[in-house]
Amino acid sequence: HNKYAEDKFAQEFGINVCSDLVSVPARVLPPPMLRYHDSGKEKTCAPSVGQWNMINKKMINGGIIDNWACVSFSRIPPEEVHRFCCDLIQMCNMTGMSVNPRPLVDNRSANPNHIENALRDVYRRTTEMLGKQGHEKQLQLLIVILPEVSGSYGMHMSPLVNPLPPSLGFL
């Protein structure tokens, strides 16, 4: 049970929260059929329980990622991180996306105790690299490999989402 009735901020603003759930008439709609590019082996797909795979499918209008980078805070050896990135890029390209095979800056391994500094450094280096190339573009994708310790994402990543540009994607 929640304790909103005892919350001093709720009381201060005169907010009353009922502990009873509200019943709302509703129905579950069937998922829409997904349509893929004609060059793939499968041209349509019906999602099941909100999920589907991309095996034998190709996007009609896949996105383009020219500028990406990867930083690893795990103990995974750099060669395996590189292989993971290569496999991910290959899979993206096979499914209809166009992804530059080379990261904007070299993949970086960093200490998980310094996540914020490492992410700011990657952002700074990629921004400088794009500036030297005369582009006004920004980093489009940042692949972040977190350590195997549970709870690291919420503890370290959530304060960083707002200071970084909205175009920066996390995978």
C-alpha atoms as a PDB file:
ATOM      1  CA  HIS A   1       0.000   0.000   0.000  1.00  0.00           C
ATOM      2  CA  ASN A   2       1.120   3.519  -0.713  1.00  0.00           C
ATOM      3  CA  LYS A   3       1.338   6.094   2.023  1.00  0.00           C
ATOM      4  CA  TYR A   4       0.325   9.160   0.051  1.00  0.00           C
ATOM      5  CA  ALA A   5      -2.151  10.149   2.771  1.00  0.00           C
ATOM      6  CA  GLU A   6       0.817  10.521   5.153  1.00  0.00           C
ATOM      7  CA  ASP A   7       3.094  12.290   2.652  1.00  0.00           C
ATOM      8  CA  LYS A   8       3.862  15.811   3.895  1.00  0.00           C
ATOM      9  CA  PHE A   9       4.143  17.254   0.362  1.00  0.00           C
ATOM     10  CA  ALA A  10       0.776  15.808  -0.663  1.00  0.00           C
ATOM     11  CA  GLN A  11      -0.768  17.219   2.512  1.00  0.00           C
ATOM     12  CA  GLU A  12       0.890  20.603   1.964  1.00  0.00           C
ATOM     13  CA  PHE A  13      -0.630  20.886  -1.517  1.00  0.00           C
ATOM     14  CA  GLY A  14      -3.991  19.473  -0.460  1.00  0.00           C
ATOM     15  CA  ILE A  15      -3.642  16.379  -2.633  1.00  0.00           C
ATOM     16  CA  ASN A  16      -5.737  13.365  -1.675  1.00  0.00           C
ATOM     17  CA  VAL A  17      -4.890  10.018  -3.260  1.00  0.00           C
ATOM     18  CA  CYS A  18      -7.449   7.237  -3.032  1.00  0.00           C
ATOM     19  CA  SER A  19      -5.958   3.827  -2.258  1.00  0.00           C
ATOM     20  CA  ASP A  20      -8.723   2.003  -4.180  1.00  0.00           C
ATOM     21  CA  LEU A  21      -7.975   1.059  -7.773  1.00  0.00           C
ATOM     22  CA  VAL A  22     -10.211   2.446 -10.494  1.00  0.00           C
ATOM     23  CA  SER A  23     -11.989  -0.015 -12.769  1.00  0.00           C
ATOM     24  CA  VAL A  24     -12.092   1.089 -16.394  1.00  0.00           C
ATOM     25  CA  PRO A  25     -13.904  -0.738 -19.204  1.00  0.00           C
ATOM     26  CA  ALA A  26     -11.338  -1.662 -21.842  1.00  0.00           C
ATOM     27  CA  ARG A  27     -10.445  -4.159 -24.523  1.00  0.00           C
ATOM     28  CA  VAL A  28      -7.196  -5.501 -25.879  1.00  0.00           C
ATOM     29  CA  LEU A  29      -6.651  -4.665 -29.527  1.00  0.00           C
ATOM     30  CA  PRO A  30      -4.855  -7.090 -31.804  1.00  0.00           C
ATOM     31  CA  PRO A  31      -1.350  -5.956 -32.780  1.00  0.00           C
ATOM     32  CA  PRO A  32      -0.995  -4.435 -36.244  1.00  0.00           C
ATOM     33  CA  MET A  33       0.737  -6.450 -38.949  1.00  0.00           C
ATOM     34  CA  LEU A  34       4.280  -5.250 -39.567  1.00  0.00           C
ATOM     35  CA  ARG A  35       5.343  -4.806 -43.175  1.00  0.00           C
ATOM     36  CA  TYR A  36       8.948  -5.194 -44.283  1.00  0.00           C
ATOM     37  CA  HIS A  37      10.960  -4.574 -47.441  1.00  0.00           C
ATOM     38  CA  ASP A  38      10.180  -6.894 -50.361  1.00  0.00           C
ATOM     39  CA  SER A  39      13.824  -8.023 -50.589  1.00  0.00           C
ATOM     40  CA  GLY A  40      13.606  -9.845 -47.250  1.00  0.00           C
ATOM     41  CA  LYS A  41      12.490 -13.477 -47.024  1.00  0.00           C
ATOM     42  CA  GLU A  42       9.523 -12.505 -44.832  1.00  0.00           C
ATOM     43  CA  LYS A  43       7.501  -9.483 -45.919  1.00  0.00           C
ATOM     44  CA  THR A  44       4.975  -9.346 -43.058  1.00  0.00           C
ATOM     45  CA  CYS A  45       4.960 -10.256 -39.386  1.00  0.00           C
ATOM     46  CA  ALA A  46       2.383 -10.318 -36.605  1.00  0.00           C
ATOM     47  CA  PRO A  47       3.975  -9.355 -33.266  1.00  0.00           C
ATOM     48  CA  SER A  48       3.288 -11.733 -30.407  1.00  0.00           C
ATOM     49  CA  VAL A  49       3.109 -10.374 -26.850  1.00  0.00           C
ATOM     50  CA  GLY A  50       4.609  -7.086 -28.067  1.00  0.00           C
ATOM     51  CA  GLN A  51       7.750  -8.615 -29.535  1.00  0.00           C
ATOM     52  CA  TRP A  52       9.157 -10.016 -32.765  1.00  0.00           C
ATOM     53  CA  ASN A  53      12.534 -10.787 -34.265  1.00  0.00           C
ATOM     54  CA  MET A  54      14.193  -9.406 -37.369  1.00  0.00           C
ATOM     55  CA  ILE A  55      15.554 -12.694 -38.724  1.00  0.00           C
ATOM     56  CA  ASN A  56      14.883 -12.913 -42.484  1.00  0.00           C
ATOM     57  CA  LYS A  57      13.350  -9.424 -42.443  1.00  0.00           C
ATOM     58  CA  LYS A  58      14.544  -6.096 -43.826  1.00  0.00           C
ATOM     59  CA  MET A  59      13.234  -2.621 -42.940  1.00  0.00           C
ATOM     60  CA  ILE A  60      11.476  -0.654 -45.658  1.00  0.00           C
ATOM     61  CA  ASN A  61      13.114   2.651 -44.712  1.00  0.00           C
ATOM     62  CA  GLY A  62      15.957   1.804 -42.368  1.00  0.00           C
ATOM     63  CA  GLY A  63      17.682   4.593 -40.503  1.00  0.00           C
ATOM     64  CA  ILE A  64      21.173   5.901 -41.181  1.00  0.00           C
ATOM     65  CA  ILE A  65      23.818   6.074 -38.455  1.00  0.00           C
ATOM     66  CA  ASP A  66      27.012   7.797 -39.534  1.00  0.00           C
ATOM     67  CA  ASN A  67      28.374   8.840 -36.140  1.00  0.00           C
ATOM     68  CA  TRP A  68      28.538   6.376 -33.289  1.00  0.00           C
ATOM     69  CA  ALA A  69      30.839   5.393 -30.457  1.00  0.00           C
ATOM     70  CA  CYS A  70      31.142   2.684 -27.822  1.00  0.00           C
ATOM     71  CA  VAL A  71      32.329   2.797 -24.232  1.00  0.00           C
ATOM     72  CA  SER A  72      32.593  -0.290 -22.043  1.00  0.00           C
ATOM     73  CA  PHE A  73      32.526  -0.230 -18.253  1.00  0.00           C
ATOM     74  CA  SER A  74      32.644  -4.021 -18.045  1.00  0.00           C
ATOM     75  CA  ARG A  75      35.499  -6.485 -17.696  1.00  0.00           C
ATOM     76  CA  ILE A  76      34.870  -7.762 -21.213  1.00  0.00           C
ATOM     77  CA  PRO A  77      38.166  -7.737 -23.145  1.00  0.00           C
ATOM     78  CA  PRO A  78      38.469  -4.954 -25.763  1.00  0.00           C
ATOM     79  CA  GLU A  79      38.648  -7.538 -28.577  1.00  0.00           C
ATOM     80  CA  GLU A  80      35.246  -8.931 -27.563  1.00  0.00           C
ATOM     81  CA  VAL A  81      33.758  -5.426 -27.333  1.00  0.00           C
ATOM     82  CA  HIS A  82      35.094  -4.732 -30.838  1.00  0.00           C
ATOM     83  CA  ARG A  83      33.637  -8.021 -32.119  1.00  0.00           C
ATOM     84  CA  PHE A  84      30.265  -7.212 -30.488  1.00  0.00           C
ATOM     85  CA  CYS A  85      30.198  -3.794 -32.181  1.00  0.00           C
ATOM     86  CA  CYS A  86      31.132  -5.327 -35.552  1.00  0.00           C
ATOM     87  CA  ASP A  87      28.395  -7.969 -35.199  1.00  0.00           C
ATOM     88  CA  LEU A  88      25.826  -5.346 -34.189  1.00  0.00           C
ATOM     89  CA  ILE A  89      26.725  -3.119 -37.155  1.00  0.00           C
ATOM     90  CA  GLN A  90      26.593  -6.094 -39.520  1.00  0.00           C
ATOM     91  CA  MET A  91      23.147  -7.098 -38.202  1.00  0.00           C
ATOM     92  CA  CYS A  92      21.871  -3.524 -38.541  1.00  0.00           C
ATOM     93  CA  ASN A  93      23.116  -3.322 -42.131  1.00  0.00           C
ATOM     94  CA  MET A  94      21.603  -6.739 -42.969  1.00  0.00           C
ATOM     95  CA  THR A  95      18.188  -5.632 -41.689  1.00  0.00           C
ATOM     96  CA  GLY A  96      18.054  -2.502 -43.829  1.00  0.00           C
ATOM     97  CA  MET A  97      19.792   0.147 -41.766  1.00  0.00           C
ATOM     98  CA  SER A  98      22.862   1.932 -43.040  1.00  0.00           C
ATOM     99  CA  VAL A  99      25.471   2.072 -40.286  1.00  0.00           C
ATOM    100  CA  ASN A 100      29.013   3.340 -40.728  1.00  0.00           C
ATOM    101  CA  PRO A 101      31.281   0.376 -39.907  1.00  0.00           C
ATOM    102  CA  ARG A 102      33.805   2.617 -38.142  1.00  0.00           C
ATOM    103  CA  PRO A 103      33.109   4.354 -34.835  1.00  0.00           C
ATOM    104  CA  LEU A 104      33.708   8.090 -34.742  1.00  0.00           C
ATOM    105  CA  VAL A 105      36.356   7.563 -32.046  1.00  0.00           C
ATOM    106  CA  ASP A 106      38.054   4.348 -30.948  1.00  0.00           C
ATOM    107  CA  ASN A 107      36.065   2.118 -28.608  1.00  0.00           C
ATOM    108  CA  ARG A 108      36.955   2.930 -25.047  1.00  0.00           C
ATOM    109  CA  SER A 109      37.183   0.856 -21.893  1.00  0.00           C
ATOM    110  CA  ALA A 110      36.618   2.803 -18.694  1.00  0.00           C
ATOM    111  CA  ASN A 111      36.462   2.323 -14.954  1.00  0.00           C
ATOM    112  CA  PRO A 112      32.858   1.739 -13.784  1.00  0.00           C
ATOM    113  CA  ASN A 113      33.538   4.050 -10.831  1.00  0.00           C
ATOM    114  CA  HIS A 114      34.001   6.966 -13.243  1.00  0.00           C
ATOM    115  CA  ILE A 115      31.043   6.539 -15.599  1.00  0.00           C
ATOM    116  CA  GLU A 116      30.079  10.208 -15.698  1.00  0.00           C
ATOM    117  CA  ASN A 117      33.617  11.376 -16.521  1.00  0.00           C
ATOM    118  CA  ALA A 118      34.061   8.712 -19.209  1.00  0.00           C
ATOM    119  CA  LEU A 119      30.758   9.576 -20.907  1.00  0.00           C
ATOM    120  CA  ARG A 120      31.555  13.280 -20.860  1.00  0.00           C
ATOM    121  CA  ASP A 121      34.993  12.508 -22.329  1.00  0.00           C
ATOM    122  CA  VAL A 122      33.496  10.421 -25.157  1.00  0.00           C
ATOM    123  CA  TYR A 123      30.983  13.182 -25.869  1.00  0.00           C
ATOM    124  CA  ARG A 124      33.765  15.814 -25.891  1.00  0.00           C
ATOM    125  CA  ARG A 125      36.019  13.737 -28.171  1.00  0.00           C
ATOM    126  CA  THR A 126      33.234  12.963 -30.643  1.00  0.00           C
ATOM    127  CA  THR A 127      32.123  16.605 -30.737  1.00  0.00           C
ATOM    128  CA  GLU A 128      35.726  17.691 -31.406  1.00  0.00           C
ATOM    129  CA  MET A 129      36.122  15.057 -34.136  1.00  0.00           C
ATOM    130  CA  LEU A 130      32.957  16.183 -35.907  1.00  0.00           C
ATOM    131  CA  GLY A 131      34.053  19.819 -35.566  1.00  0.00           C
ATOM    132  CA  LYS A 132      37.408  19.024 -37.200  1.00  0.00           C
ATOM    133  CA  GLN A 133      35.552  17.365 -40.069  1.00  0.00           C
ATOM    134  CA  GLY A 134      33.513  20.536 -40.534  1.00  0.00           C
ATOM    135  CA  HIS A 135      30.246  18.866 -39.594  1.00  0.00           C
ATOM    136  CA  GLU A 136      27.576  20.350 -37.393  1.00  0.00           C
ATOM    137  CA  LYS A 137      26.235  16.848 -36.782  1.00  0.00           C
ATOM    138  CA  GLN A 138      26.226  15.197 -33.386  1.00  0.00           C
ATOM    139  CA  LEU A 139      26.888  11.715 -32.139  1.00  0.00           C
ATOM    140  CA  GLN A 140      23.864   9.649 -33.184  1.00  0.00           C
ATOM    141  CA  LEU A 141      24.395   6.491 -31.157  1.00  0.00           C
ATOM    142  CA  LEU A 142      26.397   5.755 -28.040  1.00  0.00           C
ATOM    143  CA  ILE A 143      26.694   2.080 -27.155  1.00  0.00           C
ATOM    144  CA  VAL A 144      27.283   1.763 -23.413  1.00  0.00           C
ATOM    145  CA  ILE A 145      28.293  -1.623 -22.022  1.00  0.00           C
ATOM    146  CA  LEU A 146      27.661  -1.615 -18.286  1.00  0.00           C
ATOM    147  CA  PRO A 147      29.394  -3.773 -15.683  1.00  0.00           C
ATOM    148  CA  GLU A 148      27.769  -6.985 -14.584  1.00  0.00           C
ATOM    149  CA  VAL A 149      26.870  -5.514 -11.167  1.00  0.00           C
ATOM    150  CA  SER A 150      23.121  -5.039 -10.732  1.00  0.00           C
ATOM    151  CA  GLY A 151      21.829  -1.546 -10.097  1.00  0.00           C
ATOM    152  CA  SER A 152      24.591   0.273 -11.992  1.00  0.00           C
ATOM    153  CA  TYR A 153      22.291   1.659 -14.672  1.00  0.00           C
ATOM    154  CA  GLY A 154      19.926   3.560 -12.425  1.00  0.00           C
ATOM    155  CA  MET A 155      22.633   4.698 -10.056  1.00  0.00           C
ATOM    156  CA  HIS A 156      24.998   6.101 -12.688  1.00  0.00           C
ATOM    157  CA  MET A 157      23.056   6.744 -15.892  1.00  0.00           C
ATOM    158  CA  SER A 158      19.930   8.579 -14.750  1.00  0.00           C
ATOM    159  CA  PRO A 159      21.722  11.806 -13.708  1.00  0.00           C
ATOM    160  CA  LEU A 160      23.482  11.856 -17.084  1.00  0.00           C
ATOM    161  CA  VAL A 161      20.462  11.684 -19.351  1.00  0.00           C
ATOM    162  CA  ASN A 162      19.547  15.371 -19.036  1.00  0.00           C
ATOM    163  CA  PRO A 163      22.994  16.999 -19.484  1.00  0.00           C
ATOM    164  CA  LEU A 164      23.678  15.180 -22.766  1.00  0.00           C
ATOM    165  CA  PRO A 165      22.044  16.268 -26.034  1.00  0.00           C
ATOM    166  CA  PRO A 166      18.652  14.695 -26.774  1.00  0.00           C
ATOM    167  CA  SER A 167      19.988  13.284 -30.052  1.00  0.00           C
ATOM    168  CA  LEU A 168      22.335  10.997 -28.138  1.00  0.00           C
ATOM    169  CA  GLY A 169      20.804   7.520 -28.140  1.00  0.00           C
ATOM    170  CA  PHE A 170      21.533   4.872 -25.547  1.00  0.00           C
ATOM    171  CA  LEU A 171      21.515   1.226 -26.519  1.00  0.00           C
END
